[in-house]
Amino acid sequence: LSVALVSGALAQDKEVSLKGSITCAKCDLGKEKKCATVIVVKDGDKDVVYYFDAKSDKANHRTICQGGKKGSVTGTVSEKDGKKTVTVTKVAFD
């Protein structure tokens, strides 16, 4: 059991690339009461929403609020309280 927990923790520390629509969770998706930068990624037939970490949210929000843009994000993913968060190291808009 402890081996599974350790390997799961290490997997979360791995940097990943996400491609999809970078948008606002409040203004575009209607999921939040406050603006929040997210990337929506297709996983089969469902959409998975990844919230940007606080620093990246602040740095990128003005670009996408009121109108999302296609792009990609590189960073490490974690999950807390049922929300996936990406600690962003790179953002590129198409």
PDB file of N, CA and C in Angstrom:
ATOM      1  N   LEU A   1       0.830  -1.203   0.000  1.00  0.00           N
ATOM      2  CA  LEU A   1       0.000   0.000   0.000  1.00  0.00           C
ATOM      3  C   LEU A   1       0.870   1.260   0.000  1.00  0.00           C
ATOM      4  N   SER A   2       1.910   1.288   0.783  1.00  0.00           N
ATOM      5  CA  SER A   2       2.747   2.485   0.835  1.00  0.00           C
ATOM      6  C   SER A   2       3.471   2.722  -0.488  1.00  0.00           C
ATOM      7  N   VAL A   3       3.807   1.663  -1.206  1.00  0.00           N
ATOM      8  CA  VAL A   3       4.446   1.812  -2.514  1.00  0.00           C
ATOM      9  C   VAL A   3       3.499   2.509  -3.485  1.00  0.00           C
ATOM     10  N   ALA A   4       2.229   2.158  -3.468  1.00  0.00           N
ATOM     11  CA  ALA A   4       1.244   2.792  -4.341  1.00  0.00           C
ATOM     12  C   ALA A   4       1.102   4.277  -4.020  1.00  0.00           C
ATOM     13  N   LEU A   5       1.111   4.616  -2.752  1.00  0.00           N
ATOM     14  CA  LEU A   5       0.991   6.020  -2.367  1.00  0.00           C
ATOM     15  C   LEU A   5       2.202   6.824  -2.809  1.00  0.00           C
ATOM     16  N   VAL A   6       3.381   6.275  -2.673  1.00  0.00           N
ATOM     17  CA  VAL A   6       4.588   6.971  -3.086  1.00  0.00           C
ATOM     18  C   VAL A   6       4.612   7.161  -4.594  1.00  0.00           C
ATOM     19  N   SER A   7       4.300   6.116  -5.352  1.00  0.00           N
ATOM     20  CA  SER A   7       4.316   6.261  -6.810  1.00  0.00           C
ATOM     21  C   SER A   7       3.237   7.232  -7.269  1.00  0.00           C
ATOM     22  N   GLY A   8       2.090   7.266  -6.596  1.00  0.00           N
ATOM     23  CA  GLY A   8       1.043   8.233  -6.927  1.00  0.00           C
ATOM     24  C   GLY A   8       1.494   9.657  -6.654  1.00  0.00           C
ATOM     25  N   ALA A   9       2.214   9.860  -5.560  1.00  0.00           N
ATOM     26  CA  ALA A   9       2.715  11.192  -5.236  1.00  0.00           C
ATOM     27  C   ALA A   9       3.759  11.635  -6.251  1.00  0.00           C
ATOM     28  N   LEU A  10       4.621  10.719  -6.674  1.00  0.00           N
ATOM     29  CA  LEU A  10       5.640  11.062  -7.655  1.00  0.00           C
ATOM     30  C   LEU A  10       5.008  11.392  -9.006  1.00  0.00           C
ATOM     31  N   ALA A  11       3.956  10.699  -9.368  1.00  0.00           N
ATOM     32  CA  ALA A  11       3.285  10.950 -10.643  1.00  0.00           C
ATOM     33  C   ALA A  11       2.711  12.369 -10.679  1.00  0.00           C
ATOM     34  N   GLN A  12       2.244  12.866  -9.546  1.00  0.00           N
ATOM     35  CA  GLN A  12       1.683  14.217  -9.511  1.00  0.00           C
ATOM     36  C   GLN A  12       2.763  15.279  -9.683  1.00  0.00           C
ATOM     37  N   ASP A  13       4.010  14.977  -9.349  1.00  0.00           N
ATOM     38  CA  ASP A  13       5.089  15.943  -9.459  1.00  0.00           C
ATOM     39  C   ASP A  13       5.661  16.022 -10.875  1.00  0.00           C
ATOM     40  N   LYS A  14       5.201  15.185 -11.758  1.00  0.00           N
ATOM     41  CA  LYS A  14       5.692  15.141 -13.127  1.00  0.00           C
ATOM     42  C   LYS A  14       5.059  16.255 -13.947  1.00  0.00           C
ATOM     43  N   GLU A  15       5.886  16.937 -14.740  1.00  0.00           N
ATOM     44  CA  GLU A  15       5.375  18.020 -15.576  1.00  0.00           C
ATOM     45  C   GLU A  15       4.602  17.445 -16.758  1.00  0.00           C
ATOM     46  N   VAL A  16       3.461  18.051 -17.059  1.00  0.00           N
ATOM     47  CA  VAL A  16       2.607  17.597 -18.151  1.00  0.00           C
ATOM     48  C   VAL A  16       2.291  18.773 -19.078  1.00  0.00           C
ATOM     49  N   SER A  17       1.875  18.452 -20.287  1.00  0.00           N
ATOM     50  CA  SER A  17       1.407  19.464 -21.240  1.00  0.00           C
ATOM     51  C   SER A  17      -0.081  19.246 -21.463  1.00  0.00           C
ATOM     52  N   LEU A  18      -0.851  20.319 -21.355  1.00  0.00           N
ATOM     53  CA  LEU A  18      -2.292  20.277 -21.546  1.00  0.00           C
ATOM     54  C   LEU A  18      -2.642  21.179 -22.722  1.00  0.00           C
ATOM     55  N   LYS A  19      -3.501  20.698 -23.612  1.00  0.00           N
ATOM     56  CA  LYS A  19      -3.906  21.496 -24.772  1.00  0.00           C
ATOM     57  C   LYS A  19      -5.429  21.597 -24.782  1.00  0.00           C
ATOM     58  N   GLY A  20      -5.919  22.813 -24.982  1.00  0.00           N
ATOM     59  CA  GLY A  20      -7.359  22.999 -24.992  1.00  0.00           C
ATOM     60  C   GLY A  20      -7.730  24.464 -25.074  1.00  0.00           C
ATOM     61  N   SER A  21      -8.801  24.821 -24.387  1.00  0.00           N
ATOM     62  CA  SER A  21      -9.301  26.189 -24.376  1.00  0.00           C
ATOM     63  C   SER A  21      -8.973  26.839 -23.039  1.00  0.00           C
ATOM     64  N   ILE A  22      -8.206  27.934 -23.078  1.00  0.00           N
ATOM     65  CA  ILE A  22      -7.860  28.684 -21.868  1.00  0.00           C
ATOM     66  C   ILE A  22      -8.911  29.777 -21.737  1.00  0.00           C
ATOM     67  N   THR A  23      -9.612  29.775 -20.601  1.00  0.00           N
ATOM     68  CA  THR A  23     -10.766  30.665 -20.472  1.00  0.00           C
ATOM     69  C   THR A  23     -11.019  31.028 -19.012  1.00  0.00           C
ATOM     70  N   CYS A  24     -12.129  31.716 -18.751  1.00  0.00           N
ATOM     71  CA  CYS A  24     -12.513  32.130 -17.401  1.00  0.00           C
ATOM     72  C   CYS A  24     -13.601  31.207 -16.850  1.00  0.00           C
ATOM     73  N   ALA A  25     -13.366  30.681 -15.663  1.00  0.00           N
ATOM     74  CA  ALA A  25     -14.327  29.765 -15.036  1.00  0.00           C
ATOM     75  C   ALA A  25     -15.628  30.462 -14.670  1.00  0.00           C
ATOM     76  N   LYS A  26     -15.595  31.772 -14.455  1.00  0.00           N
ATOM     77  CA  LYS A  26     -16.819  32.514 -14.123  1.00  0.00           C
ATOM     78  C   LYS A  26     -17.508  33.042 -15.375  1.00  0.00           C
ATOM     79  N   CYS A  27     -16.816  33.865 -16.126  1.00  0.00           N
ATOM     80  CA  CYS A  27     -17.441  34.583 -17.243  1.00  0.00           C
ATOM     81  C   CYS A  27     -17.818  33.680 -18.414  1.00  0.00           C
ATOM     82  N   ASP A  28     -16.990  32.679 -18.713  1.00  0.00           N
ATOM     83  CA  ASP A  28     -17.248  31.824 -19.869  1.00  0.00           C
ATOM     84  C   ASP A  28     -17.955  30.529 -19.474  1.00  0.00           C
ATOM     85  N   LEU A  29     -17.512  29.904 -18.380  1.00  0.00           N
ATOM     86  CA  LEU A  29     -18.055  28.599 -18.009  1.00  0.00           C
ATOM     87  C   LEU A  29     -19.189  28.655 -16.990  1.00  0.00           C
ATOM     88  N   GLY A  30     -19.294  29.755 -16.239  1.00  0.00           N
ATOM     89  CA  GLY A  30     -20.341  29.879 -15.221  1.00  0.00           C
ATOM     90  C   GLY A  30     -20.162  28.911 -14.051  1.00  0.00           C
ATOM     91  N   LYS A  31     -18.927  28.480 -13.787  1.00  0.00           N
ATOM     92  CA  LYS A  31     -18.656  27.518 -12.726  1.00  0.00           C
ATOM     93  C   LYS A  31     -18.287  28.155 -11.393  1.00  0.00           C
ATOM     94  N   GLU A  32     -17.879  29.417 -11.394  1.00  0.00           N
ATOM     95  CA  GLU A  32     -17.391  30.072 -10.178  1.00  0.00           C
ATOM     96  C   GLU A  32     -18.085  31.404  -9.950  1.00  0.00           C
ATOM     97  N   LYS A  33     -17.998  31.908  -8.719  1.00  0.00           N
ATOM     98  CA  LYS A  33     -18.555  33.223  -8.394  1.00  0.00           C
ATOM     99  C   LYS A  33     -17.533  34.324  -8.634  1.00  0.00           C
ATOM    100  N   LYS A  34     -16.233  33.951  -8.682  1.00  0.00           N
ATOM    101  CA  LYS A  34     -15.158  34.899  -8.950  1.00  0.00           C
ATOM    102  C   LYS A  34     -14.411  34.439 -10.193  1.00  0.00           C
ATOM    103  N   CYS A  35     -13.822  35.376 -10.911  1.00  0.00           N
ATOM    104  CA  CYS A  35     -13.035  35.034 -12.086  1.00  0.00           C
ATOM    105  C   CYS A  35     -11.877  34.103 -11.705  1.00  0.00           C
ATOM    106  N   ALA A  36     -11.593  33.143 -12.570  1.00  0.00           N
ATOM    107  CA  ALA A  36     -10.490  32.214 -12.368  1.00  0.00           C
ATOM    108  C   ALA A  36     -10.048  31.703 -13.741  1.00  0.00           C
ATOM    109  N   THR A  37      -8.746  31.703 -13.984  1.00  0.00           N
ATOM    110  CA  THR A  37      -8.208  31.216 -15.254  1.00  0.00           C
ATOM    111  C   THR A  37      -8.133  29.699 -15.219  1.00  0.00           C
ATOM    112  N   VAL A  38      -8.653  29.070 -16.267  1.00  0.00           N
ATOM    113  CA  VAL A  38      -8.663  27.608 -16.365  1.00  0.00           C
ATOM    114  C   VAL A  38      -8.304  27.190 -17.781  1.00  0.00           C
ATOM    115  N   ILE A  39      -7.930  25.931 -17.922  1.00  0.00           N
ATOM    116  CA  ILE A  39      -7.810  25.329 -19.250  1.00  0.00           C
ATOM    117  C   ILE A  39      -8.765  24.146 -19.277  1.00  0.00           C
ATOM    118  N   VAL A  40      -9.582  24.087 -20.321  1.00  0.00           N
ATOM    119  CA  VAL A  40     -10.543  23.004 -20.497  1.00  0.00           C
ATOM    120  C   VAL A  40      -9.961  22.049 -21.538  1.00  0.00           C
ATOM    121  N   VAL A  41      -9.755  20.799 -21.110  1.00  0.00           N
ATOM    122  CA  VAL A  41      -9.117  19.787 -21.950  1.00  0.00           C
ATOM    123  C   VAL A  41     -10.122  18.675 -22.225  1.00  0.00           C
ATOM    124  N   LYS A  42     -10.201  18.246 -23.477  1.00  0.00           N
ATOM    125  CA  LYS A  42     -11.064  17.117 -23.851  1.00  0.00           C
ATOM    126  C   LYS A  42     -10.411  15.818 -23.405  1.00  0.00           C
ATOM    127  N   ASP A  43     -11.178  14.980 -22.706  1.00  0.00           N
ATOM    128  CA  ASP A  43     -10.729  13.636 -22.331  1.00  0.00           C
ATOM    129  C   ASP A  43     -11.808  12.682 -22.815  1.00  0.00           C
ATOM    130  N   GLY A  44     -11.637  12.186 -24.034  1.00  0.00           N
ATOM    131  CA  GLY A  44     -12.687  11.376 -24.649  1.00  0.00           C
ATOM    132  C   GLY A  44     -13.856  12.269 -24.994  1.00  0.00           C
ATOM    133  N   ASP A  45     -15.030  11.971 -24.408  1.00  0.00           N
ATOM    134  CA  ASP A  45     -16.214  12.777 -24.684  1.00  0.00           C
ATOM    135  C   ASP A  45     -16.547  13.758 -23.563  1.00  0.00           C
ATOM    136  N   LYS A  46     -15.655  13.885 -22.572  1.00  0.00           N
ATOM    137  CA  LYS A  46     -15.941  14.839 -21.494  1.00  0.00           C
ATOM    138  C   LYS A  46     -14.856  15.903 -21.390  1.00  0.00           C
ATOM    139  N   ASP A  47     -15.226  17.044 -20.812  1.00  0.00           N
ATOM    140  CA  ASP A  47     -14.301  18.149 -20.598  1.00  0.00           C
ATOM    141  C   ASP A  47     -13.742  18.073 -19.185  1.00  0.00           C
ATOM    142  N   VAL A  48     -12.429  18.240 -19.059  1.00  0.00           N
ATOM    143  CA  VAL A  48     -11.776  18.279 -17.759  1.00  0.00           C
ATOM    144  C   VAL A  48     -11.246  19.696 -17.564  1.00  0.00           C
ATOM    145  N   VAL A  49     -11.576  20.314 -16.423  1.00  0.00           N
ATOM    146  CA  VAL A  49     -11.196  21.693 -16.135  1.00  0.00           C
ATOM    147  C   VAL A  49     -10.018  21.693 -15.158  1.00  0.00           C
ATOM    148  N   TYR A  50      -8.938  22.376 -15.552  1.00  0.00           N
ATOM    149  CA  TYR A  50      -7.752  22.540 -14.711  1.00  0.00           C
ATOM    150  C   TYR A  50      -7.633  24.015 -14.361  1.00  0.00           C
ATOM    151  N   TYR A  51      -7.626  24.339 -13.081  1.00  0.00           N
ATOM    152  CA  TYR A  51      -7.493  25.717 -12.613  1.00  0.00           C
ATOM    153  C   TYR A  51      -6.022  26.104 -12.564  1.00  0.00           C
ATOM    154  N   PHE A  52      -5.690  27.314 -13.014  1.00  0.00           N
ATOM    155  CA  PHE A  52      -4.324  27.811 -12.917  1.00  0.00           C
ATOM    156  C   PHE A  52      -4.009  28.119 -11.454  1.00  0.00           C
ATOM    157  N   ASP A  53      -2.750  27.972 -11.058  1.00  0.00           N
ATOM    158  CA  ASP A  53      -2.319  28.398  -9.723  1.00  0.00           C
ATOM    159  C   ASP A  53      -2.470  29.917  -9.626  1.00  0.00           C
ATOM    160  N   ALA A  54      -2.441  30.458  -8.413  1.00  0.00           N
ATOM    161  CA  ALA A  54      -2.740  31.875  -8.184  1.00  0.00           C
ATOM    162  C   ALA A  54      -1.842  32.816  -8.991  1.00  0.00           C
ATOM    163  N   LYS A  55      -0.549  32.550  -9.031  1.00  0.00           N
ATOM    164  CA  LYS A  55       0.386  33.423  -9.747  1.00  0.00           C
ATOM    165  C   LYS A  55       0.082  33.437 -11.244  1.00  0.00           C
ATOM    166  N   SER A  56      -0.145  32.273 -11.826  1.00  0.00           N
ATOM    167  CA  SER A  56      -0.427  32.179 -13.256  1.00  0.00           C
ATOM    168  C   SER A  56      -1.801  32.719 -13.602  1.00  0.00           C
ATOM    169  N   ASP A  57      -2.752  32.550 -12.687  1.00  0.00           N
ATOM    170  CA  ASP A  57      -4.089  33.111 -12.884  1.00  0.00           C
ATOM    171  C   ASP A  57      -3.975  34.617 -13.053  1.00  0.00           C
ATOM    172  N   LYS A  58      -3.264  35.266 -12.145  1.00  0.00           N
ATOM    173  CA  LYS A  58      -3.114  36.717 -12.180  1.00  0.00           C
ATOM    174  C   LYS A  58      -2.382  37.177 -13.441  1.00  0.00           C
ATOM    175  N   ALA A  59      -1.350  36.438 -13.848  1.00  0.00           N
ATOM    176  CA  ALA A  59      -0.543  36.830 -15.001  1.00  0.00           C
ATOM    177  C   ALA A  59      -1.277  36.658 -16.334  1.00  0.00           C
ATOM    178  N   ASN A  60      -2.222  35.737 -16.411  1.00  0.00           N
ATOM    179  CA  ASN A  60      -2.853  35.412 -17.696  1.00  0.00           C
ATOM    180  C   ASN A  60      -4.324  35.778 -17.819  1.00  0.00           C
ATOM    181  N   HIS A  61      -4.956  36.163 -16.733  1.00  0.00           N
ATOM    182  CA  HIS A  61      -6.412  36.316 -16.764  1.00  0.00           C
ATOM    183  C   HIS A  61      -6.913  37.409 -17.703  1.00  0.00           C
ATOM    184  N   ARG A  62      -6.269  38.527 -17.719  1.00  0.00           N
ATOM    185  CA  ARG A  62      -6.744  39.652 -18.547  1.00  0.00           C
ATOM    186  C   ARG A  62      -6.841  39.236 -20.023  1.00  0.00           C
ATOM    187  N   THR A  63      -5.949  38.365 -20.467  1.00  0.00           N
ATOM    188  CA  THR A  63      -5.917  37.935 -21.861  1.00  0.00           C
ATOM    189  C   THR A  63      -7.140  37.108 -22.252  1.00  0.00           C
ATOM    190  N   ILE A  64      -7.721  36.363 -21.291  1.00  0.00           N
ATOM    191  CA  ILE A  64      -8.782  35.414 -21.642  1.00  0.00           C
ATOM    192  C   ILE A  64     -10.152  35.738 -21.053  1.00  0.00           C
ATOM    193  N   CYS A  65     -10.244  36.678 -20.128  1.00  0.00           N
ATOM    194  CA  CYS A  65     -11.545  36.991 -19.531  1.00  0.00           C
ATOM    195  C   CYS A  65     -12.458  37.573 -20.604  1.00  0.00           C
ATOM    196  N   GLN A  66     -13.697  37.154 -20.613  1.00  0.00           N
ATOM    197  CA  GLN A  66     -14.708  37.568 -21.592  1.00  0.00           C
ATOM    198  C   GLN A  66     -14.518  36.929 -22.961  1.00  0.00           C
ATOM    199  N   GLY A  67     -13.571  36.004 -23.098  1.00  0.00           N
ATOM    200  CA  GLY A  67     -13.394  35.319 -24.375  1.00  0.00           C
ATOM    201  C   GLY A  67     -12.189  34.406 -24.339  1.00  0.00           C
ATOM    202  N   GLY A  68     -12.429  33.121 -24.277  1.00  0.00           N
ATOM    203  CA  GLY A  68     -11.344  32.155 -24.191  1.00  0.00           C
ATOM    204  C   GLY A  68     -10.544  32.066 -25.477  1.00  0.00           C
ATOM    205  N   LYS A  69      -9.355  31.470 -25.357  1.00  0.00           N
ATOM    206  CA  LYS A  69      -8.473  31.277 -26.500  1.00  0.00           C
ATOM    207  C   LYS A  69      -7.931  29.856 -26.463  1.00  0.00           C
ATOM    208  N   LYS A  70      -7.724  29.283 -27.640  1.00  0.00           N
ATOM    209  CA  LYS A  70      -7.084  27.977 -27.729  1.00  0.00           C
ATOM    210  C   LYS A  70      -5.618  28.129 -27.357  1.00  0.00           C
ATOM    211  N   GLY A  71      -5.069  27.096 -26.701  1.00  0.00           N
ATOM    212  CA  GLY A  71      -3.671  27.167 -26.333  1.00  0.00           C
ATOM    213  C   GLY A  71      -3.215  25.931 -25.593  1.00  0.00           C
ATOM    214  N   SER A  72      -2.011  26.020 -25.048  1.00  0.00           N
ATOM    215  CA  SER A  72      -1.462  24.901 -24.289  1.00  0.00           C
ATOM    216  C   SER A  72      -0.779  25.427 -23.033  1.00  0.00           C
ATOM    217  N   VAL A  73      -0.726  24.552 -22.035  1.00  0.00           N
ATOM    218  CA  VAL A  73      -0.145  24.880 -20.742  1.00  0.00           C
ATOM    219  C   VAL A  73       0.775  23.743 -20.342  1.00  0.00           C
ATOM    220  N   THR A  74       1.937  24.092 -19.812  1.00  0.00           N
ATOM    221  CA  THR A  74       2.861  23.100 -19.268  1.00  0.00           C
ATOM    222  C   THR A  74       2.993  23.382 -17.779  1.00  0.00           C
ATOM    223  N   GLY A  75       2.973  22.324 -16.969  1.00  0.00           N
ATOM    224  CA  GLY A  75       3.114  22.487 -15.529  1.00  0.00           C
ATOM    225  C   GLY A  75       2.838  21.193 -14.796  1.00  0.00           C
ATOM    226  N   THR A  76       2.781  21.273 -13.471  1.00  0.00           N
ATOM    227  CA  THR A  76       2.495  20.098 -12.651  1.00  0.00           C
ATOM    228  C   THR A  76       1.057  20.186 -12.143  1.00  0.00           C
ATOM    229  N   VAL A  77       0.382  19.050 -12.135  1.00  0.00           N
ATOM    230  CA  VAL A  77      -1.031  18.992 -11.772  1.00  0.00           C
ATOM    231  C   VAL A  77      -1.186  18.399 -10.378  1.00  0.00           C
ATOM    232  N   SER A  78      -2.081  19.005  -9.605  1.00  0.00           N
ATOM    233  CA  SER A  78      -2.454  18.462  -8.297  1.00  0.00           C
ATOM    234  C   SER A  78      -3.966  18.538  -8.183  1.00  0.00           C
ATOM    235  N   GLU A  79      -4.514  17.886  -7.165  1.00  0.00           N
ATOM    236  CA  GLU A  79      -5.957  17.916  -6.965  1.00  0.00           C
ATOM    237  C   GLU A  79      -6.252  18.176  -5.500  1.00  0.00           C
ATOM    238  N   LYS A  80      -7.186  19.109  -5.260  1.00  0.00           N
ATOM    239  CA  LYS A  80      -7.585  19.431  -3.893  1.00  0.00           C
ATOM    240  C   LYS A  80      -9.063  19.778  -3.910  1.00  0.00           C
ATOM    241  N   ASP A  81      -9.808  19.199  -3.002  1.00  0.00           N
ATOM    242  CA  ASP A  81     -11.251  19.452  -2.881  1.00  0.00           C
ATOM    243  C   ASP A  81     -11.985  19.220  -4.203  1.00  0.00           C
ATOM    244  N   GLY A  82     -11.546  18.210  -4.957  1.00  0.00           N
ATOM    245  CA  GLY A  82     -12.215  17.859  -6.204  1.00  0.00           C
ATOM    246  C   GLY A  82     -11.875  18.743  -7.389  1.00  0.00           C
ATOM    247  N   LYS A  83     -10.962  19.706  -7.223  1.00  0.00           N
ATOM    248  CA  LYS A  83     -10.557  20.589  -8.318  1.00  0.00           C
ATOM    249  C   LYS A  83      -9.121  20.276  -8.701  1.00  0.00           C
ATOM    250  N   LYS A  84      -8.898  20.163  -9.998  1.00  0.00           N
ATOM    251  CA  LYS A  84      -7.549  19.958 -10.506  1.00  0.00           C
ATOM    252  C   LYS A  84      -6.908  21.329 -10.693  1.00  0.00           C
ATOM    253  N   THR A  85      -5.674  21.465 -10.191  1.00  0.00           N
ATOM    254  CA  THR A  85      -4.934  22.715 -10.313  1.00  0.00           C
ATOM    255  C   THR A  85      -3.621  22.438 -11.023  1.00  0.00           C
ATOM    256  N   VAL A  86      -3.246  23.331 -11.923  1.00  0.00           N
ATOM    257  CA  VAL A  86      -1.967  23.201 -12.612  1.00  0.00           C
ATOM    258  C   VAL A  86      -1.066  24.355 -12.173  1.00  0.00           C
ATOM    259  N   THR A  87       0.129  24.004 -11.676  1.00  0.00           N
ATOM    260  CA  THR A  87       1.147  24.997 -11.359  1.00  0.00           C
ATOM    261  C   THR A  87       1.895  25.230 -12.665  1.00  0.00           C
ATOM    262  N   VAL A  88       1.617  26.348 -13.290  1.00  0.00           N
ATOM    263  CA  VAL A  88       2.018  26.619 -14.664  1.00  0.00           C
ATOM    264  C   VAL A  88       3.482  27.053 -14.749  1.00  0.00           C
ATOM    265  N   THR A  89       4.199  26.434 -15.696  1.00  0.00           N
ATOM    266  CA  THR A  89       5.556  26.876 -16.012  1.00  0.00           C
ATOM    267  C   THR A  89       5.611  27.543 -17.387  1.00  0.00           C
ATOM    268  N   LYS A  90       4.617  27.248 -18.246  1.00  0.00           N
ATOM    269  CA  LYS A  90       4.603  27.834 -19.592  1.00  0.00           C
ATOM    270  C   LYS A  90       3.170  27.870 -20.131  1.00  0.00           C
ATOM    271  N   VAL A  91       2.812  28.995 -20.761  1.00  0.00           N
ATOM    272  CA  VAL A  91       1.523  29.151 -21.435  1.00  0.00           C
ATOM    273  C   VAL A  91       1.805  29.600 -22.869  1.00  0.00           C
ATOM    274  N   ALA A  92       1.148  28.974 -23.827  1.00  0.00           N
ATOM    275  CA  ALA A  92       1.266  29.376 -25.231  1.00  0.00           C
ATOM    276  C   ALA A  92      -0.117  29.423 -25.848  1.00  0.00           C
ATOM    277  N   PHE A  93      -0.454  30.561 -26.434  1.00  0.00           N
ATOM    278  CA  PHE A  93      -1.736  30.705 -27.123  1.00  0.00           C
ATOM    279  C   PHE A  93      -1.537  30.394 -28.598  1.00  0.00           C
ATOM    280  N   ASP A  94      -2.530  29.709 -29.204  1.00  0.00           N
ATOM    281  CA  ASP A  94      -2.440  29.359 -30.630  1.00  0.00           C
ATOM    282  C   ASP A  94      -2.560  30.599 -31.497  1.00  0.00           C
TER     283      ASP A  94
END
